[in-house]
Every structure is written in C-alpha cells, then in structure tokens.
C-alpha cells in the first residue's frame, strides 16, 4: 500500500485483503509504505522478488502519472508491473457551481 493508513485506498485494501487471502489460500497483510506520492511503496514492490507474494494496490496516479512527471521515479508501469485486476473504480465529478466559473 503506497499510501498512509486510514485513507480511501487503505480502506479498500483492508476490505479486499480477507477475500484475497481466501482466494490465494494464504495470509494477506496490508503494509503501508507512504511517501513521495506513492513512489516509496511502489518502488518497494518493484524491488520485491517476483514470486507472487507481494502485490501493489495503487492508483493510476502513483504508477502512471508520477513516472511521467518525475524522471527519477525509478519505475515504469508497463515494464515493471503486471496488472492482476481492478478492485475499485471511482468517478470524478465537479460540482454544478463550477460551470459558472468558465
């Protein structure tokens, strides 16, 4: 988890963890490694052995946007990670009052 405990992404991870544990037949621990817009936790997962024991629950921001705007991020979403699935989808909306600002 490349974000701090208590946030929305952490809540999703803790909700999904027991179900994932049943599917995998093993214990699943949510470990928070926040910092640098998700770079610290994402880099931790990239450096972990590729033995399917470490998973990253991330937002598109930390794996796609950050490497594009931060050349020193040290990872590339397409080269360094394999998508295992999607666990949530959020819609972005703006309040109607924003339309009057244009």
PDB file of N, CA and C in Angstrom:
ATOM      1  N   UNK A   1       0.840  -1.162   0.000  1.00  0.00           N
ATOM      2  CA  UNK A   1       0.000   0.000   0.000  1.00  0.00           C
ATOM      3  C   UNK A   1       0.895   1.237   0.000  1.00  0.00           C
ATOM      4  N   UNK A   2       0.962   1.953  -1.103  1.00  0.00           N
ATOM      5  CA  UNK A   2       1.868   3.096  -1.162  1.00  0.00           C
ATOM      6  C   UNK A   2       1.292   4.379  -0.554  1.00  0.00           C
ATOM      7  N   UNK A   3       0.252   4.245   0.265  1.00  0.00           N
ATOM      8  CA  UNK A   3      -0.368   5.404   0.888  1.00  0.00           C
ATOM      9  C   UNK A   3      -0.553   5.161   2.380  1.00  0.00           C
ATOM     10  N   UNK A   4      -0.808   6.230   3.111  1.00  0.00           N
ATOM     11  CA  UNK A   4      -0.933   6.147   4.563  1.00  0.00           C
ATOM     12  C   UNK A   4      -2.182   5.376   4.994  1.00  0.00           C
ATOM     13  N   UNK A   5      -2.112   4.829   6.172  1.00  0.00           N
ATOM     14  CA  UNK A   5      -3.257   4.125   6.746  1.00  0.00           C
ATOM     15  C   UNK A   5      -4.382   5.120   7.019  1.00  0.00           C
ATOM     16  N   UNK A   6      -5.607   4.664   6.829  1.00  0.00           N
ATOM     17  CA  UNK A   6      -6.758   5.487   7.147  1.00  0.00           C
ATOM     18  C   UNK A   6      -7.394   6.173   5.960  1.00  0.00           C
ATOM     19  N   UNK A   7      -6.736   6.182   4.820  1.00  0.00           N
ATOM     20  CA  UNK A   7      -7.302   6.813   3.632  1.00  0.00           C
ATOM     21  C   UNK A   7      -8.204   5.862   2.867  1.00  0.00           C
ATOM     22  N   UNK A   8      -8.784   6.363   1.785  1.00  0.00           N
ATOM     23  CA  UNK A   8      -9.719   5.562   0.997  1.00  0.00           C
ATOM     24  C   UNK A   8      -9.047   4.341   0.379  1.00  0.00           C
ATOM     25  N   UNK A   9      -7.844   4.494  -0.140  1.00  0.00           N
ATOM     26  CA  UNK A   9      -7.147   3.367  -0.764  1.00  0.00           C
ATOM     27  C   UNK A   9      -6.816   2.304   0.273  1.00  0.00           C
ATOM     28  N   UNK A  10      -6.419   2.737   1.454  1.00  0.00           N
ATOM     29  CA  UNK A  10      -6.136   1.805   2.545  1.00  0.00           C
ATOM     30  C   UNK A  10      -7.405   1.054   2.945  1.00  0.00           C
ATOM     31  N   UNK A  11      -8.526   1.756   3.000  1.00  0.00           N
ATOM     32  CA  UNK A  11      -9.792   1.114   3.353  1.00  0.00           C
ATOM     33  C   UNK A  11     -10.161   0.044   2.330  1.00  0.00           C
ATOM     34  N   UNK A  12      -9.946   0.342   1.050  1.00  0.00           N
ATOM     35  CA  UNK A  12     -10.218  -0.649   0.003  1.00  0.00           C
ATOM     36  C   UNK A  12      -9.306  -1.859   0.182  1.00  0.00           C
ATOM     37  N   UNK A  13      -8.028  -1.622   0.436  1.00  0.00           N
ATOM     38  CA  UNK A  13      -7.073  -2.722   0.615  1.00  0.00           C
ATOM     39  C   UNK A  13      -7.470  -3.616   1.783  1.00  0.00           C
ATOM     40  N   UNK A  14      -7.882  -3.017   2.876  1.00  0.00           N
ATOM     41  CA  UNK A  14      -8.260  -3.804   4.058  1.00  0.00           C
ATOM     42  C   UNK A  14      -9.583  -4.537   3.861  1.00  0.00           C
ATOM     43  N   UNK A  15     -10.418  -4.023   2.987  1.00  0.00           N
ATOM     44  CA  UNK A  15     -11.667  -4.705   2.653  1.00  0.00           C
ATOM     45  C   UNK A  15     -11.400  -5.896   1.724  1.00  0.00           C
ATOM     46  N   UNK A  16     -10.470  -5.737   0.797  1.00  0.00           N
ATOM     47  CA  UNK A  16     -10.155  -6.765  -0.192  1.00  0.00           C
ATOM     48  C   UNK A  16      -9.250  -7.857   0.383  1.00  0.00           C
ATOM     49  N   UNK A  17      -8.398  -7.519   1.346  1.00  0.00           N
ATOM     50  CA  UNK A  17      -7.393  -8.453   1.871  1.00  0.00           C
ATOM     51  C   UNK A  17      -7.958  -9.798   2.329  1.00  0.00           C
ATOM     52  N   UNK A  18      -9.022  -9.851   3.116  1.00  0.00           N
ATOM     53  CA  UNK A  18      -9.531 -11.163   3.547  1.00  0.00           C
ATOM     54  C   UNK A  18     -10.032 -12.019   2.375  1.00  0.00           C
ATOM     55  N   UNK A  19     -10.648 -11.372   1.414  1.00  0.00           N
ATOM     56  CA  UNK A  19     -11.141 -12.110   0.245  1.00  0.00           C
ATOM     57  C   UNK A  19      -9.979 -12.625  -0.601  1.00  0.00           C
ATOM     58  N   UNK A  20      -8.959 -11.790  -0.757  1.00  0.00           N
ATOM     59  CA  UNK A  20      -7.777 -12.214  -1.496  1.00  0.00           C
ATOM     60  C   UNK A  20      -7.088 -13.366  -0.774  1.00  0.00           C
ATOM     61  N   UNK A  21      -7.035 -13.309   0.538  1.00  0.00           N
ATOM     62  CA  UNK A  21      -6.424 -14.383   1.330  1.00  0.00           C
ATOM     63  C   UNK A  21      -7.135 -15.708   1.095  1.00  0.00           C
ATOM     64  N   UNK A  22      -8.465 -15.673   1.058  1.00  0.00           N
ATOM     65  CA  UNK A  22      -9.222 -16.906   0.788  1.00  0.00           C
ATOM     66  C   UNK A  22      -8.932 -17.432  -0.617  1.00  0.00           C
ATOM     67  N   UNK A  23      -8.856 -16.524  -1.577  1.00  0.00           N
ATOM     68  CA  UNK A  23      -8.588 -16.931  -2.964  1.00  0.00           C
ATOM     69  C   UNK A  23      -7.188 -17.536  -3.121  1.00  0.00           C
ATOM     70  N   UNK A  24      -6.214 -16.917  -2.454  1.00  0.00           N
ATOM     71  CA  UNK A  24      -4.823 -17.364  -2.575  1.00  0.00           C
ATOM     72  C   UNK A  24      -4.490 -18.511  -1.629  1.00  0.00           C
ATOM     73  N   UNK A  25      -5.318 -18.699  -0.603  1.00  0.00           N
ATOM     74  CA  UNK A  25      -5.049 -19.745   0.362  1.00  0.00           C
ATOM     75  C   UNK A  25      -3.874 -19.437   1.269  1.00  0.00           C
ATOM     76  N   UNK A  26      -3.643 -18.164   1.529  1.00  0.00           N
ATOM     77  CA  UNK A  26      -2.543 -17.742   2.385  1.00  0.00           C
ATOM     78  C   UNK A  26      -2.911 -16.447   3.091  1.00  0.00           C
ATOM     79  N   UNK A  27      -2.156 -16.087   4.091  1.00  0.00           N
ATOM     80  CA  UNK A  27      -2.404 -14.858   4.831  1.00  0.00           C
ATOM     81  C   UNK A  27      -2.040 -13.655   3.962  1.00  0.00           C
ATOM     82  N   UNK A  28      -2.834 -12.599   4.029  1.00  0.00           N
ATOM     83  CA  UNK A  28      -2.565 -11.350   3.314  1.00  0.00           C
ATOM     84  C   UNK A  28      -2.443 -10.238   4.341  1.00  0.00           C
ATOM     85  N   UNK A  29      -1.329  -9.542   4.302  1.00  0.00           N
ATOM     86  CA  UNK A  29      -1.054  -8.450   5.233  1.00  0.00           C
ATOM     87  C   UNK A  29      -0.981  -7.154   4.434  1.00  0.00           C
ATOM     88  N   UNK A  30      -1.720  -6.148   4.868  1.00  0.00           N
ATOM     89  CA  UNK A  30      -1.650  -4.827   4.239  1.00  0.00           C
ATOM     90  C   UNK A  30      -0.556  -4.052   4.943  1.00  0.00           C
ATOM     91  N   UNK A  31       0.480  -3.708   4.198  1.00  0.00           N
ATOM     92  CA  UNK A  31       1.608  -2.962   4.762  1.00  0.00           C
ATOM     93  C   UNK A  31       1.670  -1.596   4.093  1.00  0.00           C
ATOM     94  N   UNK A  32       1.510  -0.552   4.895  1.00  0.00           N
ATOM     95  CA  UNK A  32       1.529   0.808   4.375  1.00  0.00           C
ATOM     96  C   UNK A  32       2.955   1.321   4.269  1.00  0.00           C
ATOM     97  N   UNK A  33       3.302   1.841   3.087  1.00  0.00           N
ATOM     98  CA  UNK A  33       4.608   2.454   2.854  1.00  0.00           C
ATOM     99  C   UNK A  33       4.371   3.769   2.117  1.00  0.00           C
ATOM    100  N   UNK A  34       3.852   4.780   2.844  1.00  0.00           N
ATOM    101  CA  UNK A  34       3.510   6.036   2.196  1.00  0.00           C
ATOM    102  C   UNK A  34       4.725   6.920   1.935  1.00  0.00           C
ATOM    103  N   UNK A  35       4.533   7.863   1.027  1.00  0.00           N
ATOM    104  CA  UNK A  35       5.545   8.878   0.790  1.00  0.00           C
ATOM    105  C   UNK A  35       5.798   9.121  -0.681  1.00  0.00           C
ATOM    106  N   UNK A  36       6.122  10.364  -0.990  1.00  0.00           N
ATOM    107  CA  UNK A  36       6.510  10.784  -2.342  1.00  0.00           C
ATOM    108  C   UNK A  36       5.441  10.438  -3.379  1.00  0.00           C
ATOM    109  N   UNK A  37       4.199  10.729  -3.062  1.00  0.00           N
ATOM    110  CA  UNK A  37       3.068  10.475  -3.982  1.00  0.00           C
ATOM    111  C   UNK A  37       2.976   9.012  -4.405  1.00  0.00           C
ATOM    112  N   UNK A  38       3.298   8.121  -3.502  1.00  0.00           N
ATOM    113  CA  UNK A  38       3.197   6.698  -3.784  1.00  0.00           C
ATOM    114  C   UNK A  38       4.479   6.070  -4.293  1.00  0.00           C
ATOM    115  N   UNK A  39       5.511   6.867  -4.526  1.00  0.00           N
ATOM    116  CA  UNK A  39       6.761   6.340  -5.076  1.00  0.00           C
ATOM    117  C   UNK A  39       7.461   5.368  -4.142  1.00  0.00           C
ATOM    118  N   UNK A  40       7.433   5.623  -2.850  1.00  0.00           N
ATOM    119  CA  UNK A  40       8.161   4.760  -1.913  1.00  0.00           C
ATOM    120  C   UNK A  40       7.580   3.350  -1.891  1.00  0.00           C
ATOM    121  N   UNK A  41       6.276   3.251  -1.726  1.00  0.00           N
ATOM    122  CA  UNK A  41       5.639   1.933  -1.700  1.00  0.00           C
ATOM    123  C   UNK A  41       5.713   1.225  -3.037  1.00  0.00           C
ATOM    124  N   UNK A  42       5.553   1.972  -4.116  1.00  0.00           N
ATOM    125  CA  UNK A  42       5.617   1.381  -5.452  1.00  0.00           C
ATOM    126  C   UNK A  42       7.022   0.862  -5.741  1.00  0.00           C
ATOM    127  N   UNK A  43       8.035   1.632  -5.364  1.00  0.00           N
ATOM    128  CA  UNK A  43       9.425   1.186  -5.549  1.00  0.00           C
ATOM    129  C   UNK A  43       9.728  -0.040  -4.697  1.00  0.00           C
ATOM    130  N   UNK A  44       9.140  -0.109  -3.501  1.00  0.00           N
ATOM    131  CA  UNK A  44       9.313  -1.273  -2.631  1.00  0.00           C
ATOM    132  C   UNK A  44       8.797  -2.532  -3.321  1.00  0.00           C
ATOM    133  N   UNK A  45       7.619  -2.439  -3.930  1.00  0.00           N
ATOM    134  CA  UNK A  45       7.036  -3.600  -4.609  1.00  0.00           C
ATOM    135  C   UNK A  45       7.859  -3.968  -5.842  1.00  0.00           C
ATOM    136  N   UNK A  46       8.350  -2.969  -6.561  1.00  0.00           N
ATOM    137  CA  UNK A  46       9.194  -3.253  -7.731  1.00  0.00           C
ATOM    138  C   UNK A  46      10.447  -4.037  -7.319  1.00  0.00           C
ATOM    139  N   UNK A  47      11.018  -3.693  -6.166  1.00  0.00           N
ATOM    140  CA  UNK A  47      12.249  -4.339  -5.707  1.00  0.00           C
ATOM    141  C   UNK A  47      12.009  -5.716  -5.078  1.00  0.00           C
ATOM    142  N   UNK A  48      10.765  -6.040  -4.774  1.00  0.00           N
ATOM    143  CA  UNK A  48      10.448  -7.327  -4.137  1.00  0.00           C
ATOM    144  C   UNK A  48      10.647  -8.471  -5.132  1.00  0.00           C
ATOM    145  N   UNK A  49      10.940  -9.668  -4.648  1.00  0.00           N
ATOM    146  CA  UNK A  49      11.093 -10.823  -5.542  1.00  0.00           C
ATOM    147  C   UNK A  49       9.809 -11.052  -6.351  1.00  0.00           C
ATOM    148  N   UNK A  50       9.958 -11.441  -7.579  1.00  0.00           N
ATOM    149  CA  UNK A  50       8.809 -11.688  -8.464  1.00  0.00           C
ATOM    150  C   UNK A  50       8.266 -13.098  -8.225  1.00  0.00           C
ATOM    151  N   UNK A  51       7.849 -13.356  -6.992  1.00  0.00           N
ATOM    152  CA  UNK A  51       7.375 -14.696  -6.623  1.00  0.00           C
ATOM    153  C   UNK A  51       5.881 -14.716  -6.276  1.00  0.00           C
ATOM    154  N   UNK A  52       5.173 -13.680  -6.657  1.00  0.00           N
ATOM    155  CA  UNK A  52       3.729 -13.538  -6.421  1.00  0.00           C
ATOM    156  C   UNK A  52       3.362 -13.438  -4.946  1.00  0.00           C
ATOM    157  N   UNK A  53       4.305 -13.035  -4.111  1.00  0.00           N
ATOM    158  CA  UNK A  53       3.996 -12.887  -2.691  1.00  0.00           C
ATOM    159  C   UNK A  53       3.799 -11.428  -2.296  1.00  0.00           C
ATOM    160  N   UNK A  54       4.096 -10.495  -3.207  1.00  0.00           N
ATOM    161  CA  UNK A  54       3.954  -9.073  -2.929  1.00  0.00           C
ATOM    162  C   UNK A  54       3.091  -8.442  -4.014  1.00  0.00           C
ATOM    163  N   UNK A  55       2.037  -7.769  -3.592  1.00  0.00           N
ATOM    164  CA  UNK A  55       1.113  -7.120  -4.529  1.00  0.00           C
ATOM    165  C   UNK A  55       1.063  -5.634  -4.225  1.00  0.00           C
ATOM    166  N   UNK A  56       0.752  -4.849  -5.232  1.00  0.00           N
ATOM    167  CA  UNK A  56       0.634  -3.402  -5.089  1.00  0.00           C
ATOM    168  C   UNK A  56      -0.801  -3.004  -5.385  1.00  0.00           C
ATOM    169  N   UNK A  57      -1.436  -2.341  -4.431  1.00  0.00           N
ATOM    170  CA  UNK A  57      -2.755  -1.763  -4.681  1.00  0.00           C
ATOM    171  C   UNK A  57      -2.501  -0.278  -4.866  1.00  0.00           C
ATOM    172  N   UNK A  58      -2.603   0.175  -6.086  1.00  0.00           N
ATOM    173  CA  UNK A  58      -2.216   1.547  -6.380  1.00  0.00           C
ATOM    174  C   UNK A  58      -3.264   2.259  -7.214  1.00  0.00           C
ATOM    175  N   UNK A  59      -3.172   3.540  -7.193  1.00  0.00           N
ATOM    176  CA  UNK A  59      -3.980   4.385  -8.055  1.00  0.00           C
ATOM    177  C   UNK A  59      -3.217   4.617  -9.350  1.00  0.00           C
ATOM    178  N   UNK A  60      -3.917   4.984 -10.389  1.00  0.00           N
ATOM    179  CA  UNK A  60      -3.232   5.281 -11.642  1.00  0.00           C
ATOM    180  C   UNK A  60      -2.209   6.397 -11.457  1.00  0.00           C
ATOM    181  N   UNK A  61      -2.464   7.267 -10.511  1.00  0.00           N
ATOM    182  CA  UNK A  61      -1.541   8.377 -10.267  1.00  0.00           C
ATOM    183  C   UNK A  61      -0.135   7.898  -9.907  1.00  0.00           C
ATOM    184  N   UNK A  62      -0.047   6.957  -8.980  1.00  0.00           N
ATOM    185  CA  UNK A  62       1.276   6.541  -8.496  1.00  0.00           C
ATOM    186  C   UNK A  62       2.047   5.697  -9.494  1.00  0.00           C
ATOM    187  N   UNK A  63       1.372   4.951 -10.360  1.00  0.00           N
ATOM    188  CA  UNK A  63       2.109   4.098 -11.298  1.00  0.00           C
ATOM    189  C   UNK A  63       2.185   4.642 -12.718  1.00  0.00           C
ATOM    190  N   UNK A  64       1.310   5.575 -13.065  1.00  0.00           N
ATOM    191  CA  UNK A  64       1.326   6.118 -14.429  1.00  0.00           C
ATOM    192  C   UNK A  64       1.758   7.576 -14.451  1.00  0.00           C
ATOM    193  N   UNK A  65       1.084   8.419 -13.688  1.00  0.00           N
ATOM    194  CA  UNK A  65       1.351   9.853 -13.735  1.00  0.00           C
ATOM    195  C   UNK A  65       2.706  10.196 -13.127  1.00  0.00           C
ATOM    196  N   UNK A  66       2.998   9.686 -11.945  1.00  0.00           N
ATOM    197  CA  UNK A  66       4.250  10.034 -11.262  1.00  0.00           C
ATOM    198  C   UNK A  66       5.480   9.746 -12.123  1.00  0.00           C
ATOM    199  N   UNK A  67       5.613   8.567 -12.746  1.00  0.00           N
ATOM    200  CA  UNK A  67       6.795   8.345 -13.584  1.00  0.00           C
ATOM    201  C   UNK A  67       6.871   9.299 -14.790  1.00  0.00           C
ATOM    202  N   UNK A  68       5.747   9.778 -15.260  1.00  0.00           N
ATOM    203  CA  UNK A  68       5.757  10.710 -16.390  1.00  0.00           C
ATOM    204  C   UNK A  68       6.228  12.098 -15.994  1.00  0.00           C
ATOM    205  N   UNK A  69       5.918  12.513 -14.787  1.00  0.00           N
ATOM    206  CA  UNK A  69       6.304  13.868 -14.359  1.00  0.00           C
ATOM    207  C   UNK A  69       7.528  13.886 -13.444  1.00  0.00           C
ATOM    208  N   UNK A  70       7.955  12.708 -13.004  1.00  0.00           N
ATOM    209  CA  UNK A  70       9.132  12.604 -12.129  1.00  0.00           C
ATOM    210  C   UNK A  70      10.114  11.614 -12.745  1.00  0.00           C
ATOM    211  N   UNK A  71      11.064  12.099 -13.529  1.00  0.00           N
ATOM    212  CA  UNK A  71      12.001  11.192 -14.214  1.00  0.00           C
ATOM    213  C   UNK A  71      12.797  10.289 -13.270  1.00  0.00           C
ATOM    214  N   UNK A  72      12.931  10.673 -12.012  1.00  0.00           N
ATOM    215  CA  UNK A  72      13.705   9.874 -11.060  1.00  0.00           C
ATOM    216  C   UNK A  72      12.834   8.883 -10.286  1.00  0.00           C
ATOM    217  N   UNK A  73      11.604   8.675 -10.714  1.00  0.00           N
ATOM    218  CA  UNK A  73      10.703   7.757 -10.004  1.00  0.00           C
ATOM    219  C   UNK A  73      11.304   6.357  -9.905  1.00  0.00           C
ATOM    220  N   UNK A  74      11.987   5.919 -10.933  1.00  0.00           N
ATOM    221  CA  UNK A  74      12.672   4.622 -10.870  1.00  0.00           C
ATOM    222  C   UNK A  74      11.846   3.428 -11.282  1.00  0.00           C
ATOM    223  N   UNK A  75      10.677   3.633 -11.838  1.00  0.00           N
ATOM    224  CA  UNK A  75       9.865   2.511 -12.299  1.00  0.00           C
ATOM    225  C   UNK A  75       9.004   2.943 -13.475  1.00  0.00           C
ATOM    226  N   UNK A  76       8.593   1.955 -14.245  1.00  0.00           N
ATOM    227  CA  UNK A  76       7.741   2.167 -15.412  1.00  0.00           C
ATOM    228  C   UNK A  76       6.583   1.177 -15.296  1.00  0.00           C
ATOM    229  N   UNK A  77       5.370   1.676 -15.277  1.00  0.00           N
ATOM    230  CA  UNK A  77       4.200   0.815 -15.066  1.00  0.00           C
ATOM    231  C   UNK A  77       4.114  -0.310 -16.081  1.00  0.00           C
ATOM    232  N   UNK A  78       4.429  -0.037 -17.322  1.00  0.00           N
ATOM    233  CA  UNK A  78       4.292  -1.041 -18.379  1.00  0.00           C
ATOM    234  C   UNK A  78       5.408  -2.083 -18.339  1.00  0.00           C
ATOM    235  N   UNK A  79       6.598  -1.696 -17.908  1.00  0.00           N
ATOM    236  CA  UNK A  79       7.738  -2.612 -17.907  1.00  0.00           C
ATOM    237  C   UNK A  79       7.928  -3.352 -16.578  1.00  0.00           C
ATOM    238  N   UNK A  80       7.559  -2.705 -15.484  1.00  0.00           N
ATOM    239  CA  UNK A  80       7.910  -3.234 -14.166  1.00  0.00           C
ATOM    240  C   UNK A  80       6.785  -3.937 -13.417  1.00  0.00           C
ATOM    241  N   UNK A  81       5.547  -3.827 -13.907  1.00  0.00           N
ATOM    242  CA  UNK A  81       4.413  -4.402 -13.189  1.00  0.00           C
ATOM    243  C   UNK A  81       3.494  -5.153 -14.143  1.00  0.00           C
ATOM    244  N   UNK A  82       2.775  -6.109 -13.605  1.00  0.00           N
ATOM    245  CA  UNK A  82       1.765  -6.853 -14.358  1.00  0.00           C
ATOM    246  C   UNK A  82       0.442  -6.649 -13.635  1.00  0.00           C
ATOM    247  N   UNK A  83      -0.555  -6.193 -14.351  1.00  0.00           N
ATOM    248  CA  UNK A  83      -1.862  -5.963 -13.731  1.00  0.00           C
ATOM    249  C   UNK A  83      -2.497  -7.289 -13.331  1.00  0.00           C
ATOM    250  N   UNK A  84      -2.928  -7.372 -12.086  1.00  0.00           N
ATOM    251  CA  UNK A  84      -3.586  -8.589 -11.594  1.00  0.00           C
ATOM    252  C   UNK A  84      -5.100  -8.432 -11.591  1.00  0.00           C
ATOM    253  N   UNK A  85      -5.567  -7.208 -11.621  1.00  0.00           N
ATOM    254  CA  UNK A  85      -7.002  -6.971 -11.638  1.00  0.00           C
ATOM    255  C   UNK A  85      -7.346  -5.588 -11.151  1.00  0.00           C
ATOM    256  N   UNK A  86      -8.615  -5.268 -11.233  1.00  0.00           N
ATOM    257  CA  UNK A  86      -9.131  -3.986 -10.774  1.00  0.00           C
ATOM    258  C   UNK A  86     -10.062  -4.252  -9.600  1.00  0.00           C
ATOM    259  N   UNK A  87      -9.849  -3.542  -8.505  1.00  0.00           N
ATOM    260  CA  UNK A  87     -10.677  -3.783  -7.325  1.00  0.00           C
ATOM    261  C   UNK A  87     -11.679  -2.674  -7.058  1.00  0.00           C
ATOM    262  N   UNK A  88     -11.492  -1.505  -7.658  1.00  0.00           N
ATOM    263  CA  UNK A  88     -12.419  -0.399  -7.442  1.00  0.00           C
ATOM    264  C   UNK A  88     -12.340   0.567  -8.612  1.00  0.00           C
ATOM    265  N   UNK A  89     -13.400   1.322  -8.764  1.00  0.00           N
ATOM    266  CA  UNK A  89     -13.438   2.349  -9.801  1.00  0.00           C
ATOM    267  C   UNK A  89     -14.160   3.547  -9.213  1.00  0.00           C
ATOM    268  N   UNK A  90     -13.552   4.698  -9.364  1.00  0.00           N
ATOM    269  CA  UNK A  90     -14.132   5.917  -8.821  1.00  0.00           C
ATOM    270  C   UNK A  90     -14.428   6.885  -9.954  1.00  0.00           C
ATOM    271  N   UNK A  91     -15.564   7.541  -9.874  1.00  0.00           N
ATOM    272  CA  UNK A  91     -15.937   8.555 -10.854  1.00  0.00           C
ATOM    273  C   UNK A  91     -15.531   9.922 -10.331  1.00  0.00           C
ATOM    274  N   UNK A  92     -14.900  10.701 -11.178  1.00  0.00           N
ATOM    275  CA  UNK A  92     -14.552  12.065 -10.810  1.00  0.00           C
ATOM    276  C   UNK A  92     -15.688  12.976 -11.243  1.00  0.00           C
ATOM    277  N   UNK A  93     -16.139  13.825 -10.349  1.00  0.00           N
ATOM    278  CA  UNK A  93     -17.208  14.761 -10.681  1.00  0.00           C
ATOM    279  C   UNK A  93     -16.854  16.147 -10.174  1.00  0.00           C
ATOM    280  N   UNK A  94     -17.459  17.144 -10.785  1.00  0.00           N
ATOM    281  CA  UNK A  94     -17.293  18.522 -10.348  1.00  0.00           C
ATOM    282  C   UNK A  94     -18.662  19.041  -9.940  1.00  0.00           C
ATOM    283  N   UNK A  95     -18.701  19.883  -8.913  1.00  0.00           N
ATOM    284  CA  UNK A  95     -19.990  20.439  -8.522  1.00  0.00           C
ATOM    285  C   UNK A  95     -20.561  21.313  -9.639  1.00  0.00           C
ATOM    286  N   UNK A  96     -21.864  21.381  -9.721  1.00  0.00           N
ATOM    287  CA  UNK A  96     -22.520  22.181 -10.746  1.00  0.00           C
ATOM    288  C   UNK A  96     -22.065  23.635 -10.686  1.00  0.00           C
ATOM    289  N   UNK A  97     -21.761  24.112  -9.508  1.00  0.00           N
ATOM    290  CA  UNK A  97     -21.344  25.525  -9.353  1.00  0.00           C
ATOM    291  C   UNK A  97     -20.066  25.841 -10.117  1.00  0.00           C
ATOM    292  N   UNK A  98     -19.253  24.825 -10.440  1.00  0.00           N
ATOM    293  CA  UNK A  98     -18.021  25.049 -11.186  1.00  0.00           C
ATOM    294  C   UNK A  98     -18.309  25.511 -12.614  1.00  0.00           C
ATOM    295  N   UNK A  99     -19.462  25.147 -13.151  1.00  0.00           N
ATOM    296  CA  UNK A  99     -19.799  25.525 -14.511  1.00  0.00           C
ATOM    297  C   UNK A  99     -19.910  27.041 -14.663  1.00  0.00           C
ATOM    298  N   UNK A 100     -20.229  27.715 -13.586  1.00  0.00           N
ATOM    299  CA  UNK A 100     -20.352  29.168 -13.656  1.00  0.00           C
ATOM    300  C   UNK A 100     -18.998  29.864 -13.639  1.00  0.00           C
ATOM    301  N   UNK A 101     -17.942  29.148 -13.340  1.00  0.00           N
ATOM    302  CA  UNK A 101     -16.609  29.739 -13.306  1.00  0.00           C
ATOM    303  C   UNK A 101     -16.014  29.940 -14.693  1.00  0.00           C
ATOM    304  N   UNK A 102     -16.546  29.257 -15.683  1.00  0.00           N
ATOM    305  CA  UNK A 102     -15.978  29.313 -17.036  1.00  0.00           C
ATOM    306  C   UNK A 102     -16.229  30.627 -17.725  1.00  0.00           C
TER     307      UNK A 102
END
